[in-house]
Structure formats: C-alpha cells, structure tokens
Amino acid sequence: MNKRARSKFLKVKCNDCKSEQIVFDRASSSVRCNVCGRTLAEPRGGKAEIKGEIIEVLK
C-alpha cells in the first residue's frame, strides 16, 4: 500500500515586494511575508487560502 501525503509545501511570491517564501498549504495560522508583512496565507479549516502567487509546489 502506497500512502501519499496530501499536504504540500508551496513556494509563494509576495504580490507587494516580490520576495519568495515557503508556506505550508494547510497552514493553521496566518502566514505573513518576512519582508513587508503582507498576508500570504490564511487558514480556512483545511487548505489555507493562498494570497500570493504560487511559484512552485515542493515535494
């Protein structure tokens, strides 16, 4: 039996300052940009709502 993880890490680009940050796709708390403080992800009871541009899905 092959189990696959349903959750992933995402590389997200901030819409304001264009810096890139790694975010968990099922974040349980708000994630803010380390550079400018803009919200990049908000929890939604399962998968987080991603507010920036998803650059890459990390494995």
Protein backbone atom coordinates (compact mmCIF):
# COMPACT_ATOMS: atom_id res chain seq x y z
CA MET A 1 0.00 0.00 0.00
CA ASN A 2 1.47 3.31 -1.11
CA LYS A 3 0.48 6.27 1.06
CA ARG A 4 0.87 9.74 -0.41
CA ALA A 5 0.96 12.91 1.62
CA ARG A 6 -1.99 15.14 0.85
CA SER A 7 -0.35 18.26 2.19
CA LYS A 8 2.46 20.10 0.47
CA PHE A 9 4.82 22.99 0.87
CA LEU A 10 4.46 25.82 -1.64
CA LYS A 11 6.92 28.48 -2.76
CA VAL A 12 4.85 31.68 -2.79
CA LYS A 13 5.80 35.10 -4.19
CA CYS A 14 4.54 38.16 -2.33
CA ASN A 15 2.37 40.40 -4.51
CA ASP A 16 3.80 43.56 -2.92
CA CYS A 17 7.56 43.13 -2.54
CA LYS A 18 8.09 40.09 -4.83
CA SER A 19 10.10 38.17 -2.22
CA GLU A 20 9.63 34.39 -2.16
CA GLN A 21 8.76 32.33 0.89
CA ILE A 22 7.89 28.69 1.58
CA VAL A 23 4.40 28.16 3.02
CA PHE A 24 2.58 25.02 4.21
CA ASP A 25 -0.60 24.54 2.13
CA ARG A 26 -2.61 23.59 5.24
CA ALA A 27 -1.38 26.41 7.48
CA SER A 28 -3.35 26.64 10.73
CA SER A 29 -2.41 30.28 11.36
CA SER A 30 -1.92 33.33 9.17
CA VAL A 31 1.42 33.47 7.35
CA ARG A 32 2.91 36.89 6.68
CA CYS A 33 5.69 37.92 4.32
CA ASN A 34 9.03 38.08 6.16
CA VAL A 35 9.99 41.25 4.27
CA CYS A 36 6.92 43.51 4.08
CA GLY A 37 4.36 41.82 6.36
CA ARG A 38 1.63 41.23 3.75
CA THR A 39 -0.55 38.16 4.44
CA LEU A 40 0.49 35.26 2.20
CA ALA A 41 -1.83 32.55 3.58
CA GLU A 42 -4.91 32.45 5.79
CA PRO A 43 -6.30 29.31 7.44
CA ARG A 44 -9.66 28.06 6.14
CA GLY A 45 -10.25 24.90 8.20
CA GLY A 46 -8.37 22.65 5.78
CA LYS A 47 -6.29 24.01 2.95
CA ALA A 48 -5.15 27.56 3.54
CA GLU A 49 -6.20 30.37 1.21
CA ILE A 50 -3.02 31.46 -0.58
CA LYS A 51 -2.92 35.23 -1.15
CA GLY A 52 0.33 35.41 -3.15
CA GLU A 53 1.45 33.85 -6.41
CA ILE A 54 2.31 30.14 -6.19
CA ILE A 55 5.67 29.73 -7.90
CA GLU A 56 6.34 26.05 -7.21
CA VAL A 57 4.92 23.03 -5.40
CA LEU A 58 7.70 21.39 -3.39
CA LYS A 59 7.88 17.62 -2.92
